[in-house]
């Protein structure tokens, strides 16, 4: 159930084998109309992480190894 102030109806988490794959998918998603919530960054929990919304409001969570 979405939070009342949160327009996301679906959240999808994707796991990539390399950080380069994550970076490429993130860049492509932005070019296709996605809006970054958190750009690619090395997280404190040990992954390369990014979060974005597609034009339909769905949240995409991207994870890859940090190194």
N, C-alpha and C. Protein backbone atom coordinates (compact mmCIF):
# COMPACT_ATOMS: atom_id res chain seq x y z
N UNK A 1 0.84 -1.17 0.00
CA UNK A 1 0.00 0.00 0.00
C UNK A 1 0.89 1.24 0.00
N UNK A 2 0.69 2.17 -0.96
CA UNK A 2 1.53 3.37 -1.00
C UNK A 2 1.23 4.30 0.18
N UNK A 3 2.22 5.03 0.59
CA UNK A 3 2.04 6.07 1.60
C UNK A 3 1.21 7.17 0.95
N UNK A 4 0.24 7.77 1.64
CA UNK A 4 -0.66 8.76 1.01
C UNK A 4 0.03 9.88 0.24
N UNK A 5 1.18 10.34 0.70
CA UNK A 5 1.87 11.43 -0.01
C UNK A 5 2.89 10.90 -1.02
N UNK A 6 2.98 9.59 -1.17
CA UNK A 6 3.95 8.97 -2.06
C UNK A 6 3.23 8.43 -3.29
N UNK A 7 3.48 9.03 -4.49
CA UNK A 7 2.74 8.59 -5.68
C UNK A 7 3.20 7.25 -6.26
N UNK A 8 4.26 6.65 -5.72
CA UNK A 8 4.74 5.37 -6.26
C UNK A 8 3.73 4.27 -5.98
N UNK A 9 3.35 3.54 -7.01
CA UNK A 9 2.47 2.41 -6.83
C UNK A 9 3.24 1.10 -6.82
N UNK A 10 4.44 1.13 -7.37
CA UNK A 10 5.28 -0.06 -7.46
C UNK A 10 6.73 0.35 -7.23
N UNK A 11 7.47 -0.47 -6.52
CA UNK A 11 8.92 -0.31 -6.40
C UNK A 11 9.57 -1.57 -6.92
N UNK A 12 10.56 -1.40 -7.78
CA UNK A 12 11.26 -2.53 -8.38
C UNK A 12 12.74 -2.41 -8.02
N UNK A 13 13.32 -3.49 -7.52
CA UNK A 13 14.73 -3.50 -7.18
C UNK A 13 15.47 -4.39 -8.17
N UNK A 14 16.51 -3.85 -8.77
CA UNK A 14 17.33 -4.58 -9.74
C UNK A 14 18.74 -4.73 -9.20
N UNK A 15 19.31 -5.92 -9.38
CA UNK A 15 20.68 -6.21 -8.97
C UNK A 15 21.54 -6.37 -10.22
N UNK A 16 22.66 -5.67 -10.27
CA UNK A 16 23.58 -5.74 -11.40
C UNK A 16 24.89 -6.38 -10.96
N UNK A 17 25.57 -7.00 -11.91
CA UNK A 17 26.84 -7.65 -11.59
C UNK A 17 27.97 -6.66 -11.44
N UNK A 18 27.90 -5.53 -12.15
CA UNK A 18 28.97 -4.54 -12.07
C UNK A 18 28.39 -3.14 -11.88
N UNK A 19 29.20 -2.28 -11.30
CA UNK A 19 28.79 -0.89 -11.11
C UNK A 19 28.63 -0.18 -12.44
N UNK A 20 29.40 -0.60 -13.45
CA UNK A 20 29.29 0.00 -14.78
C UNK A 20 27.90 -0.25 -15.38
N UNK A 21 27.37 -1.46 -15.17
CA UNK A 21 26.00 -1.75 -15.64
C UNK A 21 24.99 -0.84 -14.96
N UNK A 22 25.12 -0.68 -13.66
CA UNK A 22 24.22 0.19 -12.92
C UNK A 22 24.29 1.61 -13.47
N UNK A 23 25.49 2.13 -13.66
CA UNK A 23 25.67 3.50 -14.17
C UNK A 23 25.02 3.66 -15.55
N UNK A 24 25.20 2.67 -16.42
CA UNK A 24 24.65 2.75 -17.77
C UNK A 24 23.12 2.73 -17.75
N UNK A 25 22.53 1.87 -16.93
CA UNK A 25 21.07 1.78 -16.84
C UNK A 25 20.51 3.07 -16.23
N UNK A 26 21.16 3.60 -15.21
CA UNK A 26 20.71 4.84 -14.58
C UNK A 26 20.73 5.99 -15.60
N UNK A 27 21.81 6.12 -16.33
CA UNK A 27 21.94 7.18 -17.33
C UNK A 27 20.87 7.04 -18.42
N UNK A 28 20.66 5.82 -18.88
CA UNK A 28 19.64 5.59 -19.92
C UNK A 28 18.24 5.92 -19.41
N UNK A 29 17.95 5.51 -18.17
CA UNK A 29 16.63 5.79 -17.59
C UNK A 29 16.38 7.30 -17.50
N UNK A 30 17.39 8.07 -17.13
CA UNK A 30 17.23 9.52 -17.07
C UNK A 30 16.98 10.11 -18.45
N UNK A 31 17.67 9.61 -19.45
CA UNK A 31 17.47 10.09 -20.83
C UNK A 31 16.07 9.76 -21.34
N UNK A 32 15.46 8.70 -20.80
CA UNK A 32 14.12 8.29 -21.22
C UNK A 32 13.01 8.89 -20.36
N UNK A 33 13.36 9.86 -19.52
CA UNK A 33 12.34 10.56 -18.76
C UNK A 33 12.28 10.26 -17.28
N UNK A 34 13.17 9.42 -16.79
CA UNK A 34 13.20 9.13 -15.37
C UNK A 34 13.71 10.33 -14.57
N UNK A 35 13.34 10.39 -13.31
CA UNK A 35 13.79 11.45 -12.40
C UNK A 35 14.58 10.82 -11.27
N UNK A 36 15.82 11.26 -11.11
CA UNK A 36 16.68 10.70 -10.06
C UNK A 36 16.17 11.10 -8.69
N UNK A 37 16.07 10.13 -7.79
CA UNK A 37 15.81 10.39 -6.38
C UNK A 37 17.14 10.42 -5.63
N UNK A 38 18.02 9.49 -5.99
CA UNK A 38 19.37 9.44 -5.43
C UNK A 38 20.28 8.92 -6.52
N UNK A 39 21.23 9.75 -6.92
CA UNK A 39 22.16 9.35 -7.97
C UNK A 39 23.07 8.23 -7.49
N UNK A 40 23.73 7.55 -8.42
CA UNK A 40 24.61 6.45 -8.04
C UNK A 40 25.65 6.89 -7.00
N UNK A 41 25.71 6.12 -5.94
CA UNK A 41 26.64 6.41 -4.85
C UNK A 41 27.03 5.11 -4.16
N UNK A 42 28.20 5.09 -3.54
CA UNK A 42 28.60 3.94 -2.75
C UNK A 42 27.93 4.07 -1.38
N UNK A 43 27.13 3.09 -1.03
CA UNK A 43 26.37 3.14 0.22
C UNK A 43 27.20 2.64 1.40
N UNK A 44 26.76 2.98 2.60
CA UNK A 44 27.44 2.50 3.80
C UNK A 44 27.23 1.01 4.01
N UNK A 45 26.22 0.41 3.34
CA UNK A 45 25.97 -1.03 3.51
C UNK A 45 26.71 -1.86 2.47
N UNK A 46 27.57 -1.21 1.66
CA UNK A 46 28.50 -1.95 0.81
C UNK A 46 28.10 -2.18 -0.63
N UNK A 47 27.11 -1.44 -1.14
CA UNK A 47 26.74 -1.57 -2.55
C UNK A 47 26.81 -0.22 -3.24
N UNK A 48 26.85 -0.26 -4.56
CA UNK A 48 26.63 0.93 -5.38
C UNK A 48 25.12 1.02 -5.51
N UNK A 49 24.52 2.14 -5.18
CA UNK A 49 23.08 2.27 -5.06
C UNK A 49 22.59 3.50 -5.81
N UNK A 50 21.42 3.37 -6.43
CA UNK A 50 20.74 4.53 -7.04
C UNK A 50 19.25 4.28 -6.96
N UNK A 51 18.48 5.36 -6.96
CA UNK A 51 17.02 5.26 -6.93
C UNK A 51 16.46 6.32 -7.86
N UNK A 52 15.43 5.95 -8.63
CA UNK A 52 14.81 6.90 -9.54
C UNK A 52 13.34 6.56 -9.74
N UNK A 53 12.61 7.51 -10.32
CA UNK A 53 11.19 7.30 -10.66
C UNK A 53 11.06 7.34 -12.18
N UNK A 54 10.27 6.43 -12.72
CA UNK A 54 10.00 6.47 -14.15
C UNK A 54 8.85 7.46 -14.41
N UNK A 55 8.55 7.76 -15.68
CA UNK A 55 7.49 8.74 -15.97
C UNK A 55 6.11 8.35 -15.43
N UNK A 56 5.91 7.10 -15.05
CA UNK A 56 4.63 6.65 -14.51
C UNK A 56 4.58 6.71 -12.99
N UNK A 57 5.68 7.14 -12.36
CA UNK A 57 5.74 7.27 -10.91
C UNK A 57 6.26 6.05 -10.17
N UNK A 58 6.63 5.00 -10.90
CA UNK A 58 7.17 3.80 -10.26
C UNK A 58 8.62 4.03 -9.85
N UNK A 59 8.97 3.52 -8.68
CA UNK A 59 10.34 3.67 -8.17
C UNK A 59 11.19 2.49 -8.61
N UNK A 60 12.40 2.79 -9.08
CA UNK A 60 13.38 1.78 -9.47
C UNK A 60 14.58 1.93 -8.54
N UNK A 61 14.95 0.82 -7.92
CA UNK A 61 16.09 0.78 -7.00
C UNK A 61 17.16 -0.07 -7.67
N UNK A 62 18.34 0.50 -7.84
CA UNK A 62 19.43 -0.17 -8.54
C UNK A 62 20.56 -0.46 -7.55
N UNK A 63 21.06 -1.69 -7.56
CA UNK A 63 22.15 -2.10 -6.68
C UNK A 63 23.21 -2.85 -7.49
N UNK A 64 24.46 -2.66 -7.11
CA UNK A 64 25.59 -3.38 -7.70
C UNK A 64 26.71 -3.44 -6.66
N UNK A 65 27.70 -4.30 -6.86
CA UNK A 65 28.84 -4.29 -5.94
C UNK A 65 29.49 -2.90 -5.93
N UNK A 66 29.98 -2.49 -4.77
CA UNK A 66 30.59 -1.17 -4.64
C UNK A 66 31.93 -1.06 -5.37
N UNK A 67 32.61 -2.17 -5.55
CA UNK A 67 33.92 -2.09 -6.21
C UNK A 67 34.02 -3.08 -7.35
